[in-house]
Amino acid sequence: MNFDNSEKAIVDEEIRPNECGRVRFQNSWWPAKCDRDLTFEPGEVVRVVGIDNITLIVEASL
Protein backbone atom coordinates (compact mmCIF):
# COMPACT_ATOMS: atom_id res chain seq x y z
CA MET A 1 0.00 0.00 0.00
CA ASN A 2 1.47 3.35 -1.04
CA PHE A 3 0.56 6.72 0.39
CA ASP A 4 1.04 10.12 -1.22
CA ASN A 5 1.13 12.09 2.08
CA SER A 6 -2.30 13.56 1.35
CA GLU A 7 -4.23 10.56 2.71
CA LYS A 8 -6.12 11.62 5.82
CA ALA A 9 -7.35 9.62 8.80
CA ILE A 10 -9.35 10.55 11.89
CA VAL A 11 -7.99 9.58 15.29
CA ASP A 12 -10.44 7.38 17.22
CA GLU A 13 -8.20 6.29 20.11
CA GLU A 14 -5.41 8.48 21.48
CA ILE A 15 -1.98 8.00 19.86
CA ARG A 16 0.92 8.68 22.24
CA PRO A 17 4.67 8.64 21.65
CA ASN A 18 5.91 5.02 21.35
CA GLU A 19 2.35 3.68 21.72
CA CYS A 20 -0.30 2.63 19.23
CA GLY A 21 -3.73 4.14 19.02
CA ARG A 22 -6.47 3.72 16.43
CA VAL A 23 -7.67 5.71 13.42
CA ARG A 24 -10.55 5.59 10.96
CA PHE A 25 -9.03 5.32 7.46
CA GLN A 26 -10.76 4.45 4.18
CA ASN A 27 -13.93 3.32 6.00
CA SER A 28 -12.03 0.91 8.29
CA TRP A 29 -10.46 1.01 11.74
CA TRP A 30 -6.66 0.69 11.80
CA PRO A 31 -4.01 0.57 14.52
CA ALA A 32 -1.81 3.64 14.15
CA LYS A 33 1.39 5.10 15.58
CA CYS A 34 3.55 8.18 15.11
CA ASP A 35 7.35 7.99 14.90
CA ARG A 36 7.65 11.51 16.34
CA ASP A 37 7.23 12.74 19.91
CA LEU A 38 3.61 13.79 19.34
CA THR A 39 0.27 12.93 20.90
CA PHE A 40 -2.97 12.92 18.90
CA GLU A 41 -6.38 13.11 20.54
CA PRO A 42 -9.64 11.54 19.29
CA GLY A 43 -11.21 13.61 16.54
CA GLU A 44 -7.91 15.01 15.22
CA VAL A 45 -7.17 14.63 11.51
CA VAL A 46 -3.76 13.12 10.73
CA ARG A 47 -1.80 12.30 7.55
CA VAL A 48 -1.05 8.67 6.74
CA VAL A 49 2.59 8.49 5.62
CA GLY A 50 3.30 4.76 5.69
CA ILE A 51 2.49 1.34 7.03
CA ASP A 52 4.38 -1.08 9.28
CA ASN A 53 2.83 -4.54 9.05
CA ILE A 54 -0.85 -3.66 9.74
CA THR A 55 -0.14 -0.46 11.67
CA LEU A 56 -0.44 2.88 9.89
CA ILE A 57 2.28 5.48 10.42
CA VAL A 58 0.75 8.93 10.87
CA GLU A 59 1.93 12.51 11.27
CA ALA A 60 0.30 15.84 11.95
CA SER A 61 -2.00 17.00 9.18
CA LEU A 62 -0.82 20.02 7.21
PDB file of N, CA and C in Angstrom:
ATOM      1  N   MET A   1       0.847  -1.171   0.000  1.00  0.00           N
ATOM      2  CA  MET A   1       0.000   0.000   0.000  1.00  0.00           C
ATOM      3  C   MET A   1       0.892   1.233   0.000  1.00  0.00           C
ATOM      4  N   ASN A   2       0.688   2.118  -0.955  1.00  0.00           N
ATOM      5  CA  ASN A   2       1.472   3.349  -1.044  1.00  0.00           C
ATOM      6  C   ASN A   2       0.612   4.542  -0.654  1.00  0.00           C
ATOM      7  N   PHE A   3       1.254   5.520  -0.038  1.00  0.00           N
ATOM      8  CA  PHE A   3       0.556   6.723   0.390  1.00  0.00           C
ATOM      9  C   PHE A   3       1.254   7.927  -0.207  1.00  0.00           C
ATOM     10  N   ASP A   4       0.464   8.938  -0.583  1.00  0.00           N
ATOM     11  CA  ASP A   4       1.044  10.120  -1.215  1.00  0.00           C
ATOM     12  C   ASP A   4       1.123  11.315  -0.256  1.00  0.00           C
ATOM     13  N   ASN A   5       1.055  11.060   1.043  1.00  0.00           N
ATOM     14  CA  ASN A   5       1.126  12.090   2.081  1.00  0.00           C
ATOM     15  C   ASN A   5      -0.078  13.027   2.108  1.00  0.00           C
ATOM     16  N   SER A   6      -1.086  12.760   1.273  1.00  0.00           N
ATOM     17  CA  SER A   6      -2.301  13.558   1.350  1.00  0.00           C
ATOM     18  C   SER A   6      -3.462  12.716   1.869  1.00  0.00           C
ATOM     19  N   GLU A   7      -3.202  11.439   2.165  1.00  0.00           N
ATOM     20  CA  GLU A   7      -4.228  10.562   2.714  1.00  0.00           C
ATOM     21  C   GLU A   7      -4.495  10.975   4.156  1.00  0.00           C
ATOM     22  N   LYS A   8      -5.745  11.171   4.486  1.00  0.00           N
ATOM     23  CA  LYS A   8      -6.119  11.620   5.823  1.00  0.00           C
ATOM     24  C   LYS A   8      -6.825  10.507   6.592  1.00  0.00           C
ATOM     25  N   ALA A   9      -6.657  10.537   7.901  1.00  0.00           N
ATOM     26  CA  ALA A   9      -7.351   9.616   8.799  1.00  0.00           C
ATOM     27  C   ALA A   9      -7.832  10.422   9.998  1.00  0.00           C
ATOM     28  N   ILE A  10      -8.825   9.897  10.697  1.00  0.00           N
ATOM     29  CA  ILE A  10      -9.349  10.553  11.890  1.00  0.00           C
ATOM     30  C   ILE A  10      -9.000   9.687  13.096  1.00  0.00           C
ATOM     31  N   VAL A  11      -8.393  10.302  14.088  1.00  0.00           N
ATOM     32  CA  VAL A  11      -7.992   9.580  15.293  1.00  0.00           C
ATOM     33  C   VAL A  11      -9.244   9.182  16.075  1.00  0.00           C
ATOM     34  N   ASP A  12      -9.321   7.901  16.433  1.00  0.00           N
ATOM     35  CA  ASP A  12     -10.436   7.377  17.219  1.00  0.00           C
ATOM     36  C   ASP A  12      -9.998   7.084  18.652  1.00  0.00           C
ATOM     37  N   GLU A  13      -8.776   6.608  18.806  1.00  0.00           N
ATOM     38  CA  GLU A  13      -8.205   6.286  20.112  1.00  0.00           C
ATOM     39  C   GLU A  13      -6.855   6.981  20.212  1.00  0.00           C
ATOM     40  N   GLU A  14      -6.618   7.670  21.313  1.00  0.00           N
ATOM     41  CA  GLU A  14      -5.406   8.479  21.480  1.00  0.00           C
ATOM     42  C   GLU A  14      -4.141   7.751  21.011  1.00  0.00           C
ATOM     43  N   ILE A  15      -3.290   8.495  20.307  1.00  0.00           N
ATOM     44  CA  ILE A  15      -1.982   8.000  19.858  1.00  0.00           C
ATOM     45  C   ILE A  15      -0.933   8.774  20.637  1.00  0.00           C
ATOM     46  N   ARG A  16      -0.128   8.062  21.422  1.00  0.00           N
ATOM     47  CA  ARG A  16       0.919   8.680  22.238  1.00  0.00           C
ATOM     48  C   ARG A  16       2.281   8.258  21.726  1.00  0.00           C
ATOM     49  N   PRO A  17       3.325   9.014  22.080  1.00  0.00           N
ATOM     50  CA  PRO A  17       4.673   8.636  21.652  1.00  0.00           C
ATOM     51  C   PRO A  17       4.999   7.194  22.066  1.00  0.00           C
ATOM     52  N   ASN A  18       5.520   6.419  21.131  1.00  0.00           N
ATOM     53  CA  ASN A  18       5.912   5.018  21.355  1.00  0.00           C
ATOM     54  C   ASN A  18       4.760   4.091  21.721  1.00  0.00           C
ATOM     55  N   GLU A  19       3.515   4.518  21.457  1.00  0.00           N
ATOM     56  CA  GLU A  19       2.346   3.679  21.719  1.00  0.00           C
ATOM     57  C   GLU A  19       1.395   3.743  20.529  1.00  0.00           C
ATOM     58  N   CYS A  20       0.686   2.654  20.310  1.00  0.00           N
ATOM     59  CA  CYS A  20      -0.298   2.626  19.233  1.00  0.00           C
ATOM     60  C   CYS A  20      -1.639   3.133  19.721  1.00  0.00           C
ATOM     61  N   GLY A  21      -2.352   3.748  18.803  1.00  0.00           N
ATOM     62  CA  GLY A  21      -3.732   4.141  19.018  1.00  0.00           C
ATOM     63  C   GLY A  21      -4.542   3.557  17.875  1.00  0.00           C
ATOM     64  N   ARG A  22      -5.630   4.223  17.517  1.00  0.00           N
ATOM     65  CA  ARG A  22      -6.468   3.721  16.426  1.00  0.00           C
ATOM     66  C   ARG A  22      -7.006   4.896  15.622  1.00  0.00           C
ATOM     67  N   VAL A  23      -7.115   4.698  14.309  1.00  0.00           N
ATOM     68  CA  VAL A  23      -7.667   5.712  13.420  1.00  0.00           C
ATOM     69  C   VAL A  23      -8.731   5.094  12.524  1.00  0.00           C
ATOM     70  N   ARG A  24      -9.569   5.970  11.988  1.00  0.00           N
ATOM     71  CA  ARG A  24     -10.546   5.588  10.957  1.00  0.00           C
ATOM     72  C   ARG A  24      -9.929   6.017   9.637  1.00  0.00           C
ATOM     73  N   PHE A  25      -9.696   5.050   8.735  1.00  0.00           N
ATOM     74  CA  PHE A  25      -9.034   5.319   7.457  1.00  0.00           C
ATOM     75  C   PHE A  25      -9.686   4.481   6.376  1.00  0.00           C
ATOM     76  N   GLN A  26     -10.114   5.116   5.314  1.00  0.00           N
ATOM     77  CA  GLN A  26     -10.760   4.448   4.183  1.00  0.00           C
ATOM     78  C   GLN A  26     -11.877   3.506   4.647  1.00  0.00           C
ATOM     79  N   ASN A  27     -12.754   4.036   5.502  1.00  0.00           N
ATOM     80  CA  ASN A  27     -13.934   3.320   5.998  1.00  0.00           C
ATOM     81  C   ASN A  27     -13.622   2.081   6.825  1.00  0.00           C
ATOM     82  N   SER A  28     -12.416   2.013   7.413  1.00  0.00           N
ATOM     83  CA  SER A  28     -12.031   0.910   8.289  1.00  0.00           C
ATOM     84  C   SER A  28     -11.282   1.458   9.498  1.00  0.00           C
ATOM     85  N   TRP A  29     -11.246   0.664  10.559  1.00  0.00           N
ATOM     86  CA  TRP A  29     -10.460   1.011  11.742  1.00  0.00           C
ATOM     87  C   TRP A  29      -9.089   0.381  11.613  1.00  0.00           C
ATOM     88  N   TRP A  30      -8.045   1.162  11.908  1.00  0.00           N
ATOM     89  CA  TRP A  30      -6.662   0.687  11.796  1.00  0.00           C
ATOM     90  C   TRP A  30      -5.881   1.041  13.058  1.00  0.00           C
ATOM     91  N   PRO A  31      -4.965   0.155  13.499  1.00  0.00           N
ATOM     92  CA  PRO A  31      -4.013   0.572  14.522  1.00  0.00           C
ATOM     93  C   PRO A  31      -3.088   1.615  13.903  1.00  0.00           C
ATOM     94  N   ALA A  32      -2.657   2.571  14.688  1.00  0.00           N
ATOM     95  CA  ALA A  32      -1.809   3.638  14.153  1.00  0.00           C
ATOM     96  C   ALA A  32      -0.795   4.086  15.196  1.00  0.00           C
ATOM     97  N   LYS A  33       0.350   4.560  14.700  1.00  0.00           N
ATOM     98  CA  LYS A  33       1.387   5.104  15.580  1.00  0.00           C
ATOM     99  C   LYS A  33       2.071   6.257  14.867  1.00  0.00           C
ATOM    100  N   CYS A  34       2.784   7.059  15.651  1.00  0.00           N
ATOM    101  CA  CYS A  34       3.551   8.181  15.113  1.00  0.00           C
ATOM    102  C   CYS A  34       4.995   7.993  15.540  1.00  0.00           C
ATOM    103  N   ASP A  35       5.930   8.151  14.604  1.00  0.00           N
ATOM    104  CA  ASP A  35       7.354   7.994  14.903  1.00  0.00           C
ATOM    105  C   ASP A  35       7.961   9.237  15.549  1.00  0.00           C
ATOM    106  N   ARG A  36       7.169  10.272  15.727  1.00  0.00           N
ATOM    107  CA  ARG A  36       7.652  11.507  16.337  1.00  0.00           C
ATOM    108  C   ARG A  36       7.114  11.616  17.760  1.00  0.00           C
ATOM    109  N   ASP A  37       7.642  12.548  18.516  1.00  0.00           N
ATOM    110  CA  ASP A  37       7.231  12.743  19.905  1.00  0.00           C
ATOM    111  C   ASP A  37       5.974  13.613  19.954  1.00  0.00           C
ATOM    112  N   LEU A  38       4.871  13.068  19.412  1.00  0.00           N
ATOM    113  CA  LEU A  38       3.607  13.793  19.337  1.00  0.00           C
ATOM    114  C   LEU A  38       2.491  12.939  19.915  1.00  0.00           C
ATOM    115  N   THR A  39       1.472  13.607  20.428  1.00  0.00           N
ATOM    116  CA  THR A  39       0.266  12.930  20.905  1.00  0.00           C
ATOM    117  C   THR A  39      -0.908  13.455  20.097  1.00  0.00           C
ATOM    118  N   PHE A  40      -1.770  12.546  19.653  1.00  0.00           N
ATOM    119  CA  PHE A  40      -2.965  12.920  18.901  1.00  0.00           C
ATOM    120  C   PHE A  40      -4.190  12.465  19.682  1.00  0.00           C
ATOM    121  N   GLU A  41      -5.158  13.361  19.794  1.00  0.00           N
ATOM    122  CA  GLU A  41      -6.380  13.107  20.539  1.00  0.00           C
ATOM    123  C   GLU A  41      -7.497  12.660  19.592  1.00  0.00           C
ATOM    124  N   PRO A  42      -8.495  11.934  20.127  1.00  0.00           N
ATOM    125  CA  PRO A  42      -9.640  11.540  19.292  1.00  0.00           C
ATOM    126  C   PRO A  42     -10.270  12.748  18.605  1.00  0.00           C
ATOM    127  N   GLY A  43     -10.603  12.559  17.346  1.00  0.00           N
ATOM    128  CA  GLY A  43     -11.211  13.613  16.542  1.00  0.00           C
ATOM    129  C   GLY A  43     -10.223  14.382  15.695  1.00  0.00           C
ATOM    130  N   GLU A  44      -8.925  14.306  16.016  1.00  0.00           N
ATOM    131  CA  GLU A  44      -7.915  15.009  15.217  1.00  0.00           C
ATOM    132  C   GLU A  44      -7.744  14.335  13.861  1.00  0.00           C
ATOM    133  N   VAL A  45      -7.464  15.145  12.848  1.00  0.00           N
ATOM    134  CA  VAL A  45      -7.169  14.634  11.512  1.00  0.00           C
ATOM    135  C   VAL A  45      -5.653  14.524  11.375  1.00  0.00           C
ATOM    136  N   VAL A  46      -5.186  13.368  10.904  1.00  0.00           N
ATOM    137  CA  VAL A  46      -3.756  13.116  10.726  1.00  0.00           C
ATOM    138  C   VAL A  46      -3.498  12.670   9.294  1.00  0.00           C
ATOM    139  N   ARG A  47      -2.229  12.776   8.881  1.00  0.00           N
ATOM    140  CA  ARG A  47      -1.802  12.298   7.554  1.00  0.00           C
ATOM    141  C   ARG A  47      -1.248  10.886   7.696  1.00  0.00           C
ATOM    142  N   VAL A  48      -1.609  10.026   6.780  1.00  0.00           N
ATOM    143  CA  VAL A  48      -1.049   8.671   6.738  1.00  0.00           C
ATOM    144  C   VAL A  48       0.170   8.718   5.832  1.00  0.00           C
ATOM    145  N   VAL A  49       1.342   8.377   6.386  1.00  0.00           N
ATOM    146  CA  VAL A  49       2.588   8.490   5.620  1.00  0.00           C
ATOM    147  C   VAL A  49       3.250   7.149   5.351  1.00  0.00           C
ATOM    148  N   GLY A  50       2.716   6.074   5.923  1.00  0.00           N
ATOM    149  CA  GLY A  50       3.304   4.765   5.688  1.00  0.00           C
ATOM    150  C   GLY A  50       2.564   3.688   6.443  1.00  0.00           C
ATOM    151  N   ILE A  51       3.099   2.475   6.344  1.00  0.00           N
ATOM    152  CA  ILE A  51       2.495   1.340   7.028  1.00  0.00           C
ATOM    153  C   ILE A  51       3.606   0.410   7.500  1.00  0.00           C
ATOM    154  N   ASP A  52       3.446  -0.130   8.698  1.00  0.00           N
ATOM    155  CA  ASP A  52       4.380  -1.082   9.281  1.00  0.00           C
ATOM    156  C   ASP A  52       3.566  -2.306   9.675  1.00  0.00           C
ATOM    157  N   ASN A  53       3.650  -3.353   8.857  1.00  0.00           N
ATOM    158  CA  ASN A  53       2.829  -4.543   9.048  1.00  0.00           C
ATOM    159  C   ASN A  53       1.370  -4.139   8.842  1.00  0.00           C
ATOM    160  N   ILE A  54       0.539  -4.132   9.898  1.00  0.00           N
ATOM    161  CA  ILE A  54      -0.847  -3.664   9.743  1.00  0.00           C
ATOM    162  C   ILE A  54      -1.088  -2.357  10.490  1.00  0.00           C
ATOM    163  N   THR A  55      -0.024  -1.711  10.928  1.00  0.00           N
ATOM    164  CA  THR A  55      -0.141  -0.457  11.671  1.00  0.00           C
ATOM    165  C   THR A  55       0.201   0.725  10.775  1.00  0.00           C
ATOM    166  N   LEU A  56      -0.702   1.689  10.689  1.00  0.00           N
ATOM    167  CA  LEU A  56      -0.444   2.883   9.886  1.00  0.00           C
ATOM    168  C   LEU A  56       0.510   3.808  10.627  1.00  0.00           C
ATOM    169  N   ILE A  57       1.394   4.462   9.881  1.00  0.00           N
ATOM    170  CA  ILE A  57       2.283   5.484  10.422  1.00  0.00           C
ATOM    171  C   ILE A  57       1.637   6.819  10.086  1.00  0.00           C
ATOM    172  N   VAL A  58       1.427   7.647  11.094  1.00  0.00           N
ATOM    173  CA  VAL A  58       0.750   8.926  10.873  1.00  0.00           C
ATOM    174  C   VAL A  58       1.592  10.081  11.384  1.00  0.00           C
ATOM    175  N   GLU A  59       1.288  11.262  10.850  1.00  0.00           N
ATOM    176  CA  GLU A  59       1.930  12.509  11.266  1.00  0.00           C
ATOM    177  C   GLU A  59       0.854  13.578  11.346  1.00  0.00           C
ATOM    178  N   ALA A  60       1.231  14.724  11.861  1.00  0.00           N
ATOM    179  CA  ALA A  60       0.301  15.840  11.953  1.00  0.00           C
ATOM    180  C   ALA A  60      -0.166  16.230  10.557  1.00  0.00           C
ATOM    181  N   SER A  61      -1.443  16.560  10.445  1.00  0.00           N
ATOM    182  CA  SER A  61      -2.001  16.998   9.177  1.00  0.00           C
ATOM    183  C   SER A  61      -1.524  18.408   8.878  1.00  0.00           C
ATOM    184  N   LEU A  62      -1.263  18.681   7.607  1.00  0.00           N
ATOM    185  CA  LEU A  62      -0.817  20.022   7.208  1.00  0.00           C
ATOM    186  C   LEU A  62      -1.975  20.962   7.030  1.00  0.00           C
TER     187      LEU A  62
END
